[in-house]
Structure formats: C-alpha cells, structure tokens
Amino acid sequence: MNFDIEGDKLGFGTDLFSDQKTLVESIGINDLNAELGKISSHLVHESYMLRKISE
C-alpha cells in the first residue's frame, strides 16, 4: 500500500517486520485474553441506553 506508520504501531497492531514487540509478545497470551475478556462498564451503560431508546 506504500505508506508509513510512525512508531510501527496502529491500534493494537504492530508491524511484524519491525523491531517492536506485538501485544502478545509484550504481555503474553494469557494476560491479553484476560484483558479482552473484561466487561467494560461504559459499553454496558451504552448498550442499556440504546435498548431504552429503542423500546
């Protein structure tokens, strides 16, 4: 695609051809899965509000 990303990271992604560690390499797969499995109170609230509006 011919573009550069400063710092070799974008969102959760890391350029695999860079010297930067990926998120899994940095914190480990078990810790990553634990963090991704946490429930966000903000998302729960927004979901509740959307349901109330659509009722």
PDB file of N, CA and C in Angstrom:
ATOM      1  N   MET A   1       0.818  -1.191   0.000  1.00  0.00           N
ATOM      2  CA  MET A   1       0.000   0.000   0.000  1.00  0.00           C
ATOM      3  C   MET A   1       0.863   1.256   0.000  1.00  0.00           C
ATOM      4  N   ASN A   2       2.118   1.098   0.314  1.00  0.00           N
ATOM      5  CA  ASN A   2       3.089   2.176   0.214  1.00  0.00           C
ATOM      6  C   ASN A   2       2.812   3.360   1.139  1.00  0.00           C
ATOM      7  N   PHE A   3       2.665   3.104   2.441  1.00  0.00           N
ATOM      8  CA  PHE A   3       2.566   4.180   3.410  1.00  0.00           C
ATOM      9  C   PHE A   3       3.328   3.771   4.664  1.00  0.00           C
ATOM     10  N   ASP A   4       3.735   4.764   5.439  1.00  0.00           N
ATOM     11  CA  ASP A   4       4.494   4.522   6.664  1.00  0.00           C
ATOM     12  C   ASP A   4       3.627   4.831   7.875  1.00  0.00           C
ATOM     13  N   ILE A   5       3.785   4.026   8.910  1.00  0.00           N
ATOM     14  CA  ILE A   5       3.105   4.257  10.173  1.00  0.00           C
ATOM     15  C   ILE A   5       4.177   4.589  11.191  1.00  0.00           C
ATOM     16  N   GLU A   6       4.096   5.794  11.738  1.00  0.00           N
ATOM     17  CA  GLU A   6       5.089   6.244  12.704  1.00  0.00           C
ATOM     18  C   GLU A   6       5.060   5.359  13.949  1.00  0.00           C
ATOM     19  N   GLY A   7       6.217   4.864  14.355  1.00  0.00           N
ATOM     20  CA  GLY A   7       6.312   4.025  15.543  1.00  0.00           C
ATOM     21  C   GLY A   7       5.998   2.564  15.299  1.00  0.00           C
ATOM     22  N   ASP A   8       5.653   2.188  14.097  1.00  0.00           N
ATOM     23  CA  ASP A   8       5.362   0.798  13.716  1.00  0.00           C
ATOM     24  C   ASP A   8       4.167   0.200  14.440  1.00  0.00           C
ATOM     25  N   LYS A   9       3.290   1.035  15.021  1.00  0.00           N
ATOM     26  CA  LYS A   9       2.105   0.528  15.711  1.00  0.00           C
ATOM     27  C   LYS A   9       0.890   1.332  15.292  1.00  0.00           C
ATOM     28  N   LEU A  10      -0.247   0.643  15.188  1.00  0.00           N
ATOM     29  CA  LEU A  10      -1.507   1.283  14.856  1.00  0.00           C
ATOM     30  C   LEU A  10      -2.612   0.526  15.574  1.00  0.00           C
ATOM     31  N   GLY A  11      -3.277   1.162  16.520  1.00  0.00           N
ATOM     32  CA  GLY A  11      -4.272   0.474  17.332  1.00  0.00           C
ATOM     33  C   GLY A  11      -3.596  -0.620  18.142  1.00  0.00           C
ATOM     34  N   PHE A  12      -4.114  -1.828  18.065  1.00  0.00           N
ATOM     35  CA  PHE A  12      -3.485  -2.970  18.745  1.00  0.00           C
ATOM     36  C   PHE A  12      -2.434  -3.631  17.870  1.00  0.00           C
ATOM     37  N   GLY A  13      -2.361  -3.233  16.616  1.00  0.00           N
ATOM     38  CA  GLY A  13      -1.473  -3.887  15.663  1.00  0.00           C
ATOM     39  C   GLY A  13      -0.051  -3.364  15.703  1.00  0.00           C
ATOM     40  N   THR A  14       0.867  -4.226  15.329  1.00  0.00           N
ATOM     41  CA  THR A  14       2.285  -3.894  15.231  1.00  0.00           C
ATOM     42  C   THR A  14       2.803  -4.412  13.902  1.00  0.00           C
ATOM     43  N   ASP A  15       3.603  -3.600  13.246  1.00  0.00           N
ATOM     44  CA  ASP A  15       4.232  -4.023  12.001  1.00  0.00           C
ATOM     45  C   ASP A  15       5.118  -5.233  12.297  1.00  0.00           C
ATOM     46  N   LEU A  16       4.793  -6.372  11.731  1.00  0.00           N
ATOM     47  CA  LEU A  16       5.523  -7.608  12.033  1.00  0.00           C
ATOM     48  C   LEU A  16       6.941  -7.612  11.485  1.00  0.00           C
ATOM     49  N   PHE A  17       7.258  -6.663  10.617  1.00  0.00           N
ATOM     50  CA  PHE A  17       8.609  -6.565  10.071  1.00  0.00           C
ATOM     51  C   PHE A  17       9.460  -5.561  10.848  1.00  0.00           C
ATOM     52  N   SER A  18       8.915  -4.994  11.911  1.00  0.00           N
ATOM     53  CA  SER A  18       9.650  -4.027  12.721  1.00  0.00           C
ATOM     54  C   SER A  18      10.325  -4.735  13.901  1.00  0.00           C
ATOM     55  N   ASP A  19      11.082  -3.969  14.665  1.00  0.00           N
ATOM     56  CA  ASP A  19      11.722  -4.497  15.872  1.00  0.00           C
ATOM     57  C   ASP A  19      10.817  -4.384  17.090  1.00  0.00           C
ATOM     58  N   GLN A  20       9.622  -3.806  16.935  1.00  0.00           N
ATOM     59  CA  GLN A  20       8.681  -3.631  18.038  1.00  0.00           C
ATOM     60  C   GLN A  20       8.031  -4.961  18.403  1.00  0.00           C
ATOM     61  N   LYS A  21       7.769  -5.163  19.691  1.00  0.00           N
ATOM     62  CA  LYS A  21       7.067  -6.365  20.135  1.00  0.00           C
ATOM     63  C   LYS A  21       5.571  -6.210  19.882  1.00  0.00           C
ATOM     64  N   THR A  22       4.922  -7.317  19.536  1.00  0.00           N
ATOM     65  CA  THR A  22       3.470  -7.314  19.417  1.00  0.00           C
ATOM     66  C   THR A  22       2.876  -7.304  20.818  1.00  0.00           C
ATOM     67  N   LEU A  23       1.584  -7.089  20.915  1.00  0.00           N
ATOM     68  CA  LEU A  23       0.923  -7.074  22.218  1.00  0.00           C
ATOM     69  C   LEU A  23       1.055  -8.430  22.905  1.00  0.00           C
ATOM     70  N   VAL A  24       0.908  -9.502  22.152  1.00  0.00           N
ATOM     71  CA  VAL A  24       1.054 -10.848  22.728  1.00  0.00           C
ATOM     72  C   VAL A  24       2.477 -11.062  23.234  1.00  0.00           C
ATOM     73  N   GLU A  25       3.462 -10.604  22.475  1.00  0.00           N
ATOM     74  CA  GLU A  25       4.860 -10.749  22.903  1.00  0.00           C
ATOM     75  C   GLU A  25       5.157  -9.892  24.132  1.00  0.00           C
ATOM     76  N   SER A  26       4.482  -8.757  24.247  1.00  0.00           N
ATOM     77  CA  SER A  26       4.729  -7.842  25.356  1.00  0.00           C
ATOM     78  C   SER A  26       4.129  -8.327  26.670  1.00  0.00           C
ATOM     79  N   ILE A  27       2.854  -8.755  26.640  1.00  0.00           N
ATOM     80  CA  ILE A  27       2.186  -9.107  27.898  1.00  0.00           C
ATOM     81  C   ILE A  27       1.832 -10.579  28.006  1.00  0.00           C
ATOM     82  N   GLY A  28       1.942 -11.325  26.929  1.00  0.00           N
ATOM     83  CA  GLY A  28       1.618 -12.753  26.962  1.00  0.00           C
ATOM     84  C   GLY A  28       0.172 -13.007  26.576  1.00  0.00           C
ATOM     85  N   ILE A  29      -0.078 -14.166  26.017  1.00  0.00           N
ATOM     86  CA  ILE A  29      -1.412 -14.510  25.520  1.00  0.00           C
ATOM     87  C   ILE A  29      -2.441 -14.624  26.646  1.00  0.00           C
ATOM     88  N   ASN A  30      -2.037 -15.153  27.792  1.00  0.00           N
ATOM     89  CA  ASN A  30      -2.989 -15.317  28.898  1.00  0.00           C
ATOM     90  C   ASN A  30      -3.451 -13.976  29.442  1.00  0.00           C
ATOM     91  N   ASP A  31      -2.518 -13.041  29.636  1.00  0.00           N
ATOM     92  CA  ASP A  31      -2.897 -11.711  30.126  1.00  0.00           C
ATOM     93  C   ASP A  31      -3.722 -10.956  29.089  1.00  0.00           C
ATOM     94  N   LEU A  32      -3.386 -11.102  27.823  1.00  0.00           N
ATOM     95  CA  LEU A  32      -4.155 -10.451  26.766  1.00  0.00           C
ATOM     96  C   LEU A  32      -5.588 -10.979  26.755  1.00  0.00           C
ATOM     97  N   ASN A  33      -5.752 -12.284  26.819  1.00  0.00           N
ATOM     98  CA  ASN A  33      -7.094 -12.876  26.856  1.00  0.00           C
ATOM     99  C   ASN A  33      -7.874 -12.415  28.076  1.00  0.00           C
ATOM    100  N   ALA A  34      -7.207 -12.300  29.215  1.00  0.00           N
ATOM    101  CA  ALA A  34      -7.875 -11.831  30.432  1.00  0.00           C
ATOM    102  C   ALA A  34      -8.358 -10.396  30.269  1.00  0.00           C
ATOM    103  N   GLU A  35      -7.526  -9.538  29.700  1.00  0.00           N
ATOM    104  CA  GLU A  35      -7.910  -8.140  29.493  1.00  0.00           C
ATOM    105  C   GLU A  35      -9.048  -8.017  28.488  1.00  0.00           C
ATOM    106  N   LEU A  36      -8.987  -8.774  27.408  1.00  0.00           N
ATOM    107  CA  LEU A  36     -10.040  -8.713  26.398  1.00  0.00           C
ATOM    108  C   LEU A  36     -11.358  -9.279  26.912  1.00  0.00           C
ATOM    109  N   GLY A  37     -11.291 -10.143  27.906  1.00  0.00           N
ATOM    110  CA  GLY A  37     -12.493 -10.739  28.467  1.00  0.00           C
ATOM    111  C   GLY A  37     -13.191  -9.885  29.505  1.00  0.00           C
ATOM    112  N   LYS A  38     -12.569  -8.788  29.928  1.00  0.00           N
ATOM    113  CA  LYS A  38     -13.173  -7.916  30.935  1.00  0.00           C
ATOM    114  C   LYS A  38     -14.357  -7.170  30.329  1.00  0.00           C
ATOM    115  N   ILE A  39     -15.361  -6.964  31.162  1.00  0.00           N
ATOM    116  CA  ILE A  39     -16.558  -6.245  30.722  1.00  0.00           C
ATOM    117  C   ILE A  39     -16.336  -4.753  30.947  1.00  0.00           C
ATOM    118  N   SER A  40     -16.595  -3.966  29.930  1.00  0.00           N
ATOM    119  CA  SER A  40     -16.461  -2.515  30.016  1.00  0.00           C
ATOM    120  C   SER A  40     -17.752  -1.924  30.569  1.00  0.00           C
ATOM    121  N   SER A  41     -17.678  -1.233  31.700  1.00  0.00           N
ATOM    122  CA  SER A  41     -18.879  -0.621  32.276  1.00  0.00           C
ATOM    123  C   SER A  41     -19.448   0.447  31.339  1.00  0.00           C
ATOM    124  N   HIS A  42     -18.582   1.117  30.600  1.00  0.00           N
ATOM    125  CA  HIS A  42     -19.047   2.117  29.640  1.00  0.00           C
ATOM    126  C   HIS A  42     -19.886   1.452  28.543  1.00  0.00           C
ATOM    127  N   LEU A  43     -19.407   0.342  27.993  1.00  0.00           N
ATOM    128  CA  LEU A  43     -20.166  -0.345  26.943  1.00  0.00           C
ATOM    129  C   LEU A  43     -21.467  -0.928  27.470  1.00  0.00           C
ATOM    130  N   VAL A  44     -21.454  -1.411  28.705  1.00  0.00           N
ATOM    131  CA  VAL A  44     -22.693  -1.926  29.313  1.00  0.00           C
ATOM    132  C   VAL A  44     -23.703  -0.797  29.436  1.00  0.00           C
ATOM    133  N   HIS A  45     -23.253   0.366  29.898  1.00  0.00           N
ATOM    134  CA  HIS A  45     -24.145   1.522  30.042  1.00  0.00           C
ATOM    135  C   HIS A  45     -24.701   1.952  28.683  1.00  0.00           C
ATOM    136  N   GLU A  46     -23.843   2.071  27.682  1.00  0.00           N
ATOM    137  CA  GLU A  46     -24.290   2.489  26.350  1.00  0.00           C
ATOM    138  C   GLU A  46     -25.275   1.491  25.762  1.00  0.00           C
ATOM    139  N   SER A  47     -25.033   0.208  25.964  1.00  0.00           N
ATOM    140  CA  SER A  47     -25.945  -0.816  25.475  1.00  0.00           C
ATOM    141  C   SER A  47     -27.305  -0.693  26.139  1.00  0.00           C
ATOM    142  N   TYR A  48     -27.303  -0.445  27.440  1.00  0.00           N
ATOM    143  CA  TYR A  48     -28.547  -0.250  28.192  1.00  0.00           C
ATOM    144  C   TYR A  48     -29.309   0.955  27.655  1.00  0.00           C
ATOM    145  N   MET A  49     -28.598   2.052  27.424  1.00  0.00           N
ATOM    146  CA  MET A  49     -29.241   3.271  26.941  1.00  0.00           C
ATOM    147  C   MET A  49     -29.826   3.062  25.536  1.00  0.00           C
ATOM    148  N   LEU A  50     -29.128   2.348  24.690  1.00  0.00           N
ATOM    149  CA  LEU A  50     -29.640   2.081  23.345  1.00  0.00           C
ATOM    150  C   LEU A  50     -30.903   1.233  23.395  1.00  0.00           C
ATOM    151  N   ARG A  51     -30.926   0.262  24.299  1.00  0.00           N
ATOM    152  CA  ARG A  51     -32.140  -0.568  24.433  1.00  0.00           C
ATOM    153  C   ARG A  51     -33.310   0.255  24.929  1.00  0.00           C
ATOM    154  N   LYS A  52     -33.046   1.170  25.879  1.00  0.00           N
ATOM    155  CA  LYS A  52     -34.124   2.013  26.417  1.00  0.00           C
ATOM    156  C   LYS A  52     -34.707   2.911  25.322  1.00  0.00           C
ATOM    157  N   ILE A  53     -33.839   3.448  24.467  1.00  0.00           N
ATOM    158  CA  ILE A  53     -34.286   4.328  23.395  1.00  0.00           C
ATOM    159  C   ILE A  53     -35.135   3.569  22.382  1.00  0.00           C
ATOM    160  N   SER A  54     -34.785   2.328  22.095  1.00  0.00           N
ATOM    161  CA  SER A  54     -35.483   1.574  21.059  1.00  0.00           C
ATOM    162  C   SER A  54     -36.780   0.939  21.554  1.00  0.00           C
ATOM    163  N   GLU A  55     -37.049   1.005  22.846  1.00  0.00           N
ATOM    164  CA  GLU A  55     -38.290   0.414  23.381  1.00  0.00           C
ATOM    165  C   GLU A  55     -39.490   1.292  23.139  1.00  0.00           C
TER     166      GLU A  55
END
